[in-house]
């Protein structure tokens, strides 16, 4: 039995009650070596708050991983942005941008891949044609995960690469 199988974790769709959880997960995505950012900083920084504000908006899709007692393991979600409010991995207003992170205690067990696969399946079911993301150049584990799922680099800004997956 793998380490991942030894832990009972379930995946479920992200709902309106998950906005706070997504904000906390966004802290991990924005600062993976954390805990540099607070939840309040995420909500007051327009560059970050856009990813969770008014969750869920029409077209938002997300997946949450949690233990049987409701402890969060991680989350993955995608939403579109207009030209006037571009996200970090923006490609076009028609392409949702993916955000995700797994809590430090749960990394290396395959939950990032499970979350990503579940989100991609939900996006395909919803008829979404492609999804983008931004990954820090120093985040080799995340980059390997995205490469393995077929994401391709389409741009570079600062210390991050924008990637796109055609679904």
N, C-alpha and C. Protein backbone atom coordinates (compact mmCIF):
# COMPACT_ATOMS: atom_id res chain seq x y z
N UNK A 1 0.85 -1.18 0.00
CA UNK A 1 0.00 0.00 0.00
C UNK A 1 0.89 1.25 0.00
N UNK A 2 0.58 2.17 -0.88
CA UNK A 2 1.36 3.40 -0.96
C UNK A 2 1.04 4.30 0.23
N UNK A 3 1.91 5.27 0.46
CA UNK A 3 1.67 6.23 1.55
C UNK A 3 0.35 6.95 1.32
N UNK A 4 0.05 7.26 0.06
CA UNK A 4 -1.20 7.95 -0.26
C UNK A 4 -2.40 7.08 0.09
N UNK A 5 -2.33 5.81 -0.25
CA UNK A 5 -3.44 4.90 0.03
C UNK A 5 -3.65 4.69 1.53
N UNK A 6 -2.60 4.88 2.32
CA UNK A 6 -2.68 4.69 3.75
C UNK A 6 -3.47 5.80 4.43
N UNK A 7 -3.66 6.91 3.76
CA UNK A 7 -4.40 8.04 4.31
C UNK A 7 -5.76 8.12 3.64
N UNK A 8 -6.79 8.15 4.44
CA UNK A 8 -8.14 8.27 3.88
C UNK A 8 -8.40 9.72 3.55
N UNK A 9 -8.45 10.01 2.29
CA UNK A 9 -8.73 11.35 1.81
C UNK A 9 -9.73 11.20 0.68
N UNK A 10 -10.70 12.11 0.65
CA UNK A 10 -11.67 12.06 -0.44
C UNK A 10 -11.63 13.37 -1.21
N UNK A 11 -12.05 13.28 -2.46
CA UNK A 11 -12.14 14.45 -3.33
C UNK A 11 -13.62 14.77 -3.51
N UNK A 12 -13.93 16.07 -3.53
CA UNK A 12 -15.30 16.51 -3.75
C UNK A 12 -15.27 17.83 -4.50
N UNK A 13 -16.39 18.18 -5.16
CA UNK A 13 -16.44 19.48 -5.83
C UNK A 13 -16.35 20.62 -4.82
N UNK A 14 -15.72 21.71 -5.20
CA UNK A 14 -15.65 22.90 -4.35
C UNK A 14 -16.94 23.68 -4.49
N UNK A 15 -17.54 24.03 -3.36
CA UNK A 15 -18.79 24.78 -3.36
C UNK A 15 -18.61 26.16 -2.76
N UNK A 16 -19.71 26.88 -2.62
CA UNK A 16 -19.69 28.25 -2.09
C UNK A 16 -19.12 28.29 -0.68
N UNK A 17 -19.34 27.25 0.10
CA UNK A 17 -18.83 27.20 1.47
C UNK A 17 -17.31 27.02 1.53
N UNK A 18 -16.66 26.85 0.39
CA UNK A 18 -15.21 26.62 0.35
C UNK A 18 -14.39 27.87 0.05
N UNK A 19 -15.00 29.04 -0.03
CA UNK A 19 -14.25 30.24 -0.38
C UNK A 19 -13.10 30.50 0.60
N UNK A 20 -13.35 30.35 1.88
CA UNK A 20 -12.29 30.58 2.88
C UNK A 20 -11.19 29.54 2.72
N UNK A 21 -11.58 28.28 2.53
CA UNK A 21 -10.59 27.22 2.32
C UNK A 21 -9.72 27.53 1.11
N UNK A 22 -10.35 27.94 0.00
CA UNK A 22 -9.58 28.26 -1.20
C UNK A 22 -8.62 29.41 -0.94
N UNK A 23 -9.03 30.37 -0.14
CA UNK A 23 -8.13 31.47 0.22
C UNK A 23 -6.91 30.98 0.97
N UNK A 24 -7.12 30.03 1.87
CA UNK A 24 -5.98 29.47 2.61
C UNK A 24 -5.09 28.63 1.70
N UNK A 25 -5.69 27.89 0.79
CA UNK A 25 -4.90 27.10 -0.16
C UNK A 25 -4.13 28.03 -1.09
N UNK A 26 -4.74 29.14 -1.46
CA UNK A 26 -4.06 30.13 -2.31
C UNK A 26 -2.81 30.67 -1.63
N UNK A 27 -2.83 30.80 -0.30
CA UNK A 27 -1.63 31.21 0.43
C UNK A 27 -0.48 30.26 0.13
N UNK A 28 -0.78 28.96 0.10
CA UNK A 28 0.25 27.96 -0.17
C UNK A 28 0.72 28.03 -1.62
N UNK A 29 -0.22 28.28 -2.54
CA UNK A 29 0.15 28.37 -3.95
C UNK A 29 1.02 29.59 -4.21
N UNK A 30 0.69 30.70 -3.55
CA UNK A 30 1.43 31.95 -3.76
C UNK A 30 2.77 31.95 -3.05
N UNK A 31 2.88 31.18 -1.98
CA UNK A 31 4.10 31.16 -1.17
C UNK A 31 4.34 29.73 -0.69
N UNK A 32 4.74 28.82 -1.60
CA UNK A 32 4.82 27.40 -1.26
C UNK A 32 5.76 27.07 -0.12
N UNK A 33 6.77 27.87 0.11
CA UNK A 33 7.67 27.59 1.22
C UNK A 33 7.15 28.20 2.51
N UNK A 34 6.07 29.02 2.39
CA UNK A 34 5.34 29.71 3.46
C UNK A 34 5.92 29.53 4.83
N UNK A 35 5.30 30.04 5.82
CA UNK A 35 4.01 30.72 5.88
C UNK A 35 4.15 32.25 5.78
N UNK A 36 4.71 32.74 4.73
CA UNK A 36 4.95 34.17 4.58
C UNK A 36 3.72 35.03 4.46
N UNK A 37 2.66 34.51 3.83
CA UNK A 37 1.44 35.29 3.64
C UNK A 37 0.38 34.89 4.64
N UNK A 38 -0.41 35.87 5.07
CA UNK A 38 -1.56 35.57 5.90
C UNK A 38 -2.80 35.52 5.02
N UNK A 39 -3.84 34.94 5.53
CA UNK A 39 -5.11 34.89 4.81
C UNK A 39 -5.59 36.31 4.53
N UNK A 40 -5.45 37.20 5.47
CA UNK A 40 -5.87 38.59 5.30
C UNK A 40 -5.09 39.27 4.18
N UNK A 41 -3.81 38.97 4.06
CA UNK A 41 -3.01 39.54 2.96
C UNK A 41 -3.50 39.05 1.61
N UNK A 42 -3.92 37.79 1.54
CA UNK A 42 -4.46 37.26 0.29
C UNK A 42 -5.71 38.03 -0.10
N UNK A 43 -6.58 38.28 0.87
CA UNK A 43 -7.85 38.95 0.58
C UNK A 43 -7.69 40.43 0.25
N UNK A 44 -6.62 41.05 0.72
CA UNK A 44 -6.44 42.49 0.47
C UNK A 44 -5.50 42.77 -0.70
N UNK A 45 -4.89 41.75 -1.26
CA UNK A 45 -4.02 41.93 -2.41
C UNK A 45 -4.82 41.62 -3.67
N UNK A 46 -5.16 42.62 -4.48
CA UNK A 46 -6.00 42.37 -5.66
C UNK A 46 -5.43 41.30 -6.59
N UNK A 47 -4.10 41.20 -6.67
CA UNK A 47 -3.47 40.21 -7.55
C UNK A 47 -3.75 38.79 -7.07
N UNK A 48 -4.02 38.62 -5.78
CA UNK A 48 -4.34 37.30 -5.23
C UNK A 48 -5.83 37.12 -5.00
N UNK A 49 -6.48 38.15 -4.47
CA UNK A 49 -7.90 38.05 -4.12
C UNK A 49 -8.76 37.66 -5.32
N UNK A 50 -8.36 38.05 -6.51
CA UNK A 50 -9.14 37.74 -7.72
C UNK A 50 -9.39 36.24 -7.88
N UNK A 51 -8.51 35.43 -7.32
CA UNK A 51 -8.63 33.98 -7.49
C UNK A 51 -9.72 33.35 -6.62
N UNK A 52 -10.15 34.07 -5.57
CA UNK A 52 -11.16 33.49 -4.67
C UNK A 52 -12.35 34.42 -4.44
N UNK A 53 -12.26 35.68 -4.83
CA UNK A 53 -13.35 36.63 -4.59
C UNK A 53 -14.64 36.13 -5.22
N UNK A 54 -15.71 36.24 -4.47
CA UNK A 54 -17.05 35.89 -4.95
C UNK A 54 -17.14 34.45 -5.45
N UNK A 55 -16.38 33.56 -4.82
CA UNK A 55 -16.42 32.14 -5.20
C UNK A 55 -17.77 31.55 -4.83
N UNK A 56 -18.40 30.78 -5.69
CA UNK A 56 -18.05 30.54 -7.08
C UNK A 56 -18.83 31.47 -8.01
N UNK A 57 -18.14 31.96 -9.01
CA UNK A 57 -18.81 32.70 -10.08
C UNK A 57 -19.23 31.70 -11.15
N UNK A 58 -20.10 32.13 -12.03
CA UNK A 58 -20.52 31.28 -13.14
C UNK A 58 -19.27 30.82 -13.91
N UNK A 59 -19.17 29.52 -14.13
CA UNK A 59 -18.04 28.96 -14.86
C UNK A 59 -16.90 28.49 -13.99
N UNK A 60 -16.88 28.86 -12.69
CA UNK A 60 -15.83 28.39 -11.79
C UNK A 60 -15.98 26.90 -11.56
N UNK A 61 -14.85 26.21 -11.52
CA UNK A 61 -14.83 24.77 -11.27
C UNK A 61 -13.72 24.49 -10.27
N UNK A 62 -14.01 23.66 -9.27
CA UNK A 62 -12.99 23.36 -8.29
C UNK A 62 -13.18 22.00 -7.64
N UNK A 63 -12.10 21.51 -7.04
CA UNK A 63 -12.08 20.23 -6.36
C UNK A 63 -11.31 20.41 -5.05
N UNK A 64 -11.84 19.81 -3.99
CA UNK A 64 -11.21 19.87 -2.67
C UNK A 64 -10.87 18.46 -2.23
N UNK A 65 -9.70 18.30 -1.63
CA UNK A 65 -9.32 17.02 -1.01
C UNK A 65 -9.35 17.23 0.50
N UNK A 66 -10.00 16.30 1.21
CA UNK A 66 -10.09 16.44 2.66
C UNK A 66 -10.15 15.07 3.32
N UNK A 67 -9.81 15.06 4.60
CA UNK A 67 -9.85 13.85 5.40
C UNK A 67 -11.30 13.59 5.83
N UNK A 68 -11.61 12.40 6.33
CA UNK A 68 -12.98 12.11 6.75
C UNK A 68 -13.51 13.07 7.82
N UNK A 69 -12.63 13.63 8.63
CA UNK A 69 -13.09 14.58 9.66
C UNK A 69 -13.09 16.02 9.15
N UNK A 70 -12.91 16.20 7.84
CA UNK A 70 -13.03 17.53 7.24
C UNK A 70 -11.77 18.36 7.21
N UNK A 71 -10.63 17.79 7.59
CA UNK A 71 -9.38 18.55 7.52
C UNK A 71 -8.95 18.67 6.06
N UNK A 72 -8.63 19.90 5.62
CA UNK A 72 -8.24 20.08 4.22
C UNK A 72 -6.86 19.51 3.93
N UNK A 73 -6.75 18.89 2.77
CA UNK A 73 -5.48 18.37 2.26
C UNK A 73 -4.96 19.30 1.17
N UNK A 74 -5.87 19.81 0.35
CA UNK A 74 -5.51 20.71 -0.74
C UNK A 74 -6.72 20.99 -1.60
N UNK A 75 -6.52 21.77 -2.62
CA UNK A 75 -7.60 22.11 -3.54
C UNK A 75 -7.02 22.52 -4.89
N UNK A 76 -7.85 22.39 -5.91
CA UNK A 76 -7.51 22.84 -7.26
C UNK A 76 -8.76 23.47 -7.84
N UNK A 77 -8.62 24.61 -8.48
CA UNK A 77 -9.78 25.27 -9.06
C UNK A 77 -9.36 26.09 -10.26
N UNK A 78 -10.35 26.45 -11.07
CA UNK A 78 -10.09 27.22 -12.27
C UNK A 78 -11.21 28.24 -12.46
N UNK A 79 -10.80 29.44 -12.91
CA UNK A 79 -11.78 30.48 -13.22
C UNK A 79 -11.22 31.37 -14.31
N UNK A 80 -12.13 32.00 -15.04
CA UNK A 80 -11.72 32.91 -16.11
C UNK A 80 -11.59 34.33 -15.58
N UNK A 81 -10.83 35.13 -16.31
CA UNK A 81 -10.61 36.54 -15.96
C UNK A 81 -10.78 37.39 -17.21
N UNK A 82 -11.31 38.59 -17.04
CA UNK A 82 -11.42 39.49 -18.19
C UNK A 82 -10.06 40.12 -18.51
N UNK A 83 -9.96 40.70 -19.68
CA UNK A 83 -8.72 41.38 -20.08
C UNK A 83 -8.30 42.44 -19.07
N UNK A 84 -9.28 43.06 -18.40
CA UNK A 84 -9.00 44.14 -17.46
C UNK A 84 -8.57 43.66 -16.09
N UNK A 85 -8.59 42.35 -15.85
CA UNK A 85 -8.22 41.80 -14.54
C UNK A 85 -7.50 40.47 -14.73
N UNK A 86 -6.41 40.52 -15.48
CA UNK A 86 -5.68 39.31 -15.84
C UNK A 86 -5.03 38.65 -14.63
N UNK A 87 -5.11 37.32 -14.60
CA UNK A 87 -4.41 36.56 -13.58
C UNK A 87 -2.96 36.36 -13.96
N UNK A 88 -2.21 35.69 -13.10
CA UNK A 88 -0.77 35.47 -13.33
C UNK A 88 -0.51 34.55 -14.52
N UNK A 89 -1.41 33.60 -14.76
CA UNK A 89 -1.25 32.66 -15.88
C UNK A 89 -2.25 32.93 -16.99
N UNK A 90 -2.63 34.19 -17.15
CA UNK A 90 -3.65 34.57 -18.12
C UNK A 90 -3.19 34.27 -19.54
N UNK A 91 -4.12 33.67 -20.32
CA UNK A 91 -3.89 33.42 -21.74
C UNK A 91 -4.94 34.16 -22.56
N UNK A 92 -6.20 34.04 -22.14
CA UNK A 92 -7.29 34.74 -22.81
C UNK A 92 -8.52 34.71 -21.90
N UNK A 93 -9.47 35.62 -22.13
CA UNK A 93 -10.68 35.62 -21.31
C UNK A 93 -11.48 34.31 -21.42
N UNK A 94 -11.28 33.56 -22.48
CA UNK A 94 -12.01 32.31 -22.68
C UNK A 94 -11.33 31.10 -22.04
N UNK A 95 -10.11 31.28 -21.56
CA UNK A 95 -9.34 30.16 -21.00
C UNK A 95 -9.26 30.32 -19.48
N UNK A 96 -9.86 29.38 -18.73
CA UNK A 96 -9.76 29.49 -17.27
C UNK A 96 -8.32 29.25 -16.81
N UNK A 97 -8.00 29.92 -15.72
CA UNK A 97 -6.67 29.78 -15.13
C UNK A 97 -6.76 28.89 -13.89
N UNK A 98 -5.87 27.94 -13.81
CA UNK A 98 -5.86 26.96 -12.74
C UNK A 98 -5.02 27.45 -11.56
N UNK A 99 -5.53 27.22 -10.36
CA UNK A 99 -4.79 27.46 -9.12
C UNK A 99 -4.88 26.18 -8.30
N UNK A 100 -3.82 25.84 -7.62
CA UNK A 100 -3.87 24.65 -6.78
C UNK A 100 -2.71 24.62 -5.80
N UNK A 101 -2.91 23.89 -4.72
CA UNK A 101 -1.85 23.62 -3.76
C UNK A 101 -2.29 22.49 -2.86
N UNK A 102 -1.30 21.83 -2.30
CA UNK A 102 -1.50 20.76 -1.33
C UNK A 102 -0.76 21.19 -0.07
N UNK A 103 -1.37 20.95 1.08
CA UNK A 103 -0.74 21.30 2.35
C UNK A 103 0.60 20.61 2.54
N UNK A 104 1.52 21.26 3.23
CA UNK A 104 2.88 20.71 3.40
C UNK A 104 2.92 19.29 3.94
N UNK A 105 2.02 18.95 4.86
CA UNK A 105 2.02 17.61 5.44
C UNK A 105 1.54 16.53 4.48
N UNK A 106 0.97 16.94 3.36
CA UNK A 106 0.37 15.99 2.42
C UNK A 106 1.13 15.92 1.11
N UNK A 107 2.20 16.66 0.97
CA UNK A 107 2.95 16.67 -0.28
C UNK A 107 3.74 15.39 -0.46
N UNK A 108 3.96 15.03 -1.72
CA UNK A 108 4.74 13.84 -2.02
C UNK A 108 3.96 12.54 -1.93
N UNK A 109 2.63 12.63 -1.74
CA UNK A 109 1.79 11.44 -1.61
C UNK A 109 0.87 11.24 -2.82
N UNK A 110 0.99 12.12 -3.82
CA UNK A 110 0.16 11.98 -5.01
C UNK A 110 -1.13 12.77 -4.99
N UNK A 111 -1.36 13.55 -3.94
CA UNK A 111 -2.61 14.31 -3.87
C UNK A 111 -2.65 15.46 -4.87
N UNK A 112 -1.53 16.05 -5.19
CA UNK A 112 -1.51 17.09 -6.22
C UNK A 112 -1.96 16.53 -7.55
N UNK A 113 -1.44 15.38 -7.92
CA UNK A 113 -1.85 14.74 -9.16
C UNK A 113 -3.31 14.34 -9.15
N UNK A 114 -3.79 13.84 -8.01
CA UNK A 114 -5.19 13.44 -7.90
C UNK A 114 -6.11 14.66 -8.04
N UNK A 115 -5.75 15.75 -7.38
CA UNK A 115 -6.54 16.98 -7.50
C UNK A 115 -6.53 17.51 -8.92
N UNK A 116 -5.34 17.54 -9.52
CA UNK A 116 -5.23 18.05 -10.88
C UNK A 116 -6.03 17.19 -11.85
N UNK A 117 -5.93 15.87 -11.74
CA UNK A 117 -6.68 14.98 -12.63
C UNK A 117 -8.18 15.17 -12.46
N UNK A 118 -8.65 15.31 -11.22
CA UNK A 118 -10.07 15.50 -10.97
C UNK A 118 -10.56 16.83 -11.54
N UNK A 119 -9.75 17.88 -11.38
CA UNK A 119 -10.14 19.18 -11.92
C UNK A 119 -10.17 19.14 -13.45
N UNK A 120 -9.17 18.55 -14.06
CA UNK A 120 -9.14 18.46 -15.52
C UNK A 120 -10.33 17.67 -16.05
N UNK A 121 -10.71 16.60 -15.35
CA UNK A 121 -11.88 15.82 -15.75
C UNK A 121 -13.15 16.66 -15.64
N UNK A 122 -13.28 17.44 -14.57
CA UNK A 122 -14.45 18.30 -14.39
C UNK A 122 -14.51 19.38 -15.48
N UNK A 123 -13.36 19.93 -15.84
CA UNK A 123 -13.32 20.94 -16.90
C UNK A 123 -13.71 20.33 -18.24
N UNK A 124 -13.22 19.13 -18.52
CA UNK A 124 -13.60 18.45 -19.77
C UNK A 124 -15.10 18.20 -19.80
N UNK A 125 -15.65 17.72 -18.69
CA UNK A 125 -17.09 17.46 -18.61
C UNK A 125 -17.89 18.74 -18.84
N UNK A 126 -17.37 19.86 -18.37
CA UNK A 126 -18.04 21.15 -18.54
C UNK A 126 -17.87 21.71 -19.94
N UNK A 127 -17.08 21.03 -20.78
CA UNK A 127 -16.89 21.48 -22.16
C UNK A 127 -15.83 22.55 -22.32
N UNK A 128 -14.98 22.70 -21.33
CA UNK A 128 -13.89 23.69 -21.41
C UNK A 128 -12.83 23.16 -22.38
N UNK A 129 -12.35 24.02 -23.28
CA UNK A 129 -11.42 23.59 -24.31
C UNK A 129 -9.96 23.60 -23.92
N UNK A 130 -9.59 24.46 -22.96
CA UNK A 130 -8.19 24.53 -22.52
C UNK A 130 -8.14 25.22 -21.17
N UNK A 131 -7.00 25.08 -20.50
CA UNK A 131 -6.79 25.67 -19.19
C UNK A 131 -5.33 26.12 -19.11
N UNK A 132 -5.10 27.22 -18.40
CA UNK A 132 -3.74 27.75 -18.26
C UNK A 132 -3.36 27.82 -16.78
N UNK A 133 -2.09 28.11 -16.56
CA UNK A 133 -1.59 28.28 -15.20
C UNK A 133 -0.26 29.01 -15.25
N UNK A 134 0.17 29.45 -14.09
CA UNK A 134 1.49 30.04 -13.93
C UNK A 134 2.22 29.23 -12.88
N UNK A 135 3.48 28.87 -13.15
CA UNK A 135 4.27 28.11 -12.20
C UNK A 135 5.63 28.79 -12.05
N UNK A 136 6.06 28.91 -10.79
CA UNK A 136 7.38 29.50 -10.53
C UNK A 136 8.46 28.60 -11.12
N UNK A 137 9.46 29.22 -11.68
CA UNK A 137 10.56 28.47 -12.28
C UNK A 137 11.30 27.62 -11.24
N UNK A 138 11.25 28.02 -9.97
CA UNK A 138 11.93 27.29 -8.91
C UNK A 138 11.09 26.14 -8.35
N UNK A 139 9.84 26.01 -8.77
CA UNK A 139 8.96 24.97 -8.25
C UNK A 139 9.02 23.74 -9.16
N UNK A 140 10.11 23.01 -9.04
CA UNK A 140 10.36 21.87 -9.93
C UNK A 140 9.30 20.77 -9.79
N UNK A 141 8.81 20.53 -8.58
CA UNK A 141 7.81 19.47 -8.38
C UNK A 141 6.52 19.81 -9.11
N UNK A 142 6.06 21.04 -8.98
CA UNK A 142 4.83 21.44 -9.67
C UNK A 142 5.05 21.42 -11.18
N UNK A 143 6.17 21.91 -11.62
CA UNK A 143 6.46 21.93 -13.05
C UNK A 143 6.46 20.51 -13.62
N UNK A 144 7.04 19.56 -12.90
CA UNK A 144 7.05 18.17 -13.35
C UNK A 144 5.64 17.61 -13.44
N UNK A 145 4.79 17.96 -12.47
CA UNK A 145 3.41 17.51 -12.48
C UNK A 145 2.68 18.04 -13.72
N UNK A 146 2.85 19.32 -14.00
CA UNK A 146 2.18 19.92 -15.15
C UNK A 146 2.73 19.38 -16.47
N UNK A 147 4.03 19.20 -16.55
CA UNK A 147 4.63 18.61 -17.75
C UNK A 147 4.06 17.21 -17.99
N UNK A 148 3.93 16.42 -16.92
CA UNK A 148 3.44 15.04 -17.04
C UNK A 148 2.00 14.98 -17.53
N UNK A 149 1.24 16.04 -17.27
CA UNK A 149 -0.17 16.08 -17.70
C UNK A 149 -0.33 16.70 -19.09
N UNK A 150 0.77 17.14 -19.69
CA UNK A 150 0.71 17.66 -21.04
C UNK A 150 0.64 19.17 -21.18
N UNK A 151 0.78 19.90 -20.09
CA UNK A 151 0.82 21.36 -20.19
C UNK A 151 2.08 21.77 -20.96
N UNK A 152 1.95 22.80 -21.78
CA UNK A 152 3.08 23.28 -22.57
C UNK A 152 3.34 24.75 -22.26
N UNK A 153 4.60 25.15 -22.18
CA UNK A 153 4.92 26.57 -21.94
C UNK A 153 4.43 27.44 -23.09
N UNK A 154 3.82 28.57 -22.75
CA UNK A 154 3.37 29.51 -23.78
C UNK A 154 3.84 30.93 -23.49
N UNK A 155 4.55 31.12 -22.39
CA UNK A 155 5.04 32.46 -22.07
C UNK A 155 5.87 32.43 -20.80
N UNK A 156 6.56 33.52 -20.58
CA UNK A 156 7.40 33.64 -19.39
C UNK A 156 7.35 35.08 -18.92
N UNK A 157 7.16 35.26 -17.61
CA UNK A 157 7.14 36.61 -17.04
C UNK A 157 7.83 36.56 -15.69
N UNK A 158 8.83 37.38 -15.53
CA UNK A 158 9.56 37.40 -14.27
C UNK A 158 10.19 36.05 -14.00
N UNK A 159 9.80 35.45 -12.88
CA UNK A 159 10.34 34.15 -12.48
C UNK A 159 9.33 33.02 -12.64
N UNK A 160 8.34 33.24 -13.51
CA UNK A 160 7.29 32.24 -13.70
C UNK A 160 7.04 31.95 -15.17
N UNK A 161 6.59 30.72 -15.42
CA UNK A 161 6.25 30.28 -16.76
C UNK A 161 4.74 30.10 -16.84
N UNK A 162 4.15 30.63 -17.90
CA UNK A 162 2.74 30.39 -18.17
C UNK A 162 2.65 29.15 -19.04
N UNK A 163 1.73 28.25 -18.64
CA UNK A 163 1.58 26.98 -19.36
C UNK A 163 0.12 26.81 -19.77
N UNK A 164 -0.10 26.04 -20.83
CA UNK A 164 -1.42 25.83 -21.37
C UNK A 164 -1.62 24.34 -21.66
N UNK A 165 -2.81 23.85 -21.36
CA UNK A 165 -3.18 22.49 -21.70
C UNK A 165 -4.45 22.55 -22.54
N UNK A 166 -4.39 22.00 -23.73
CA UNK A 166 -5.59 21.88 -24.56
C UNK A 166 -6.28 20.59 -24.11
N UNK A 167 -7.54 20.74 -23.71
CA UNK A 167 -8.29 19.60 -23.20
C UNK A 167 -8.96 18.84 -24.32
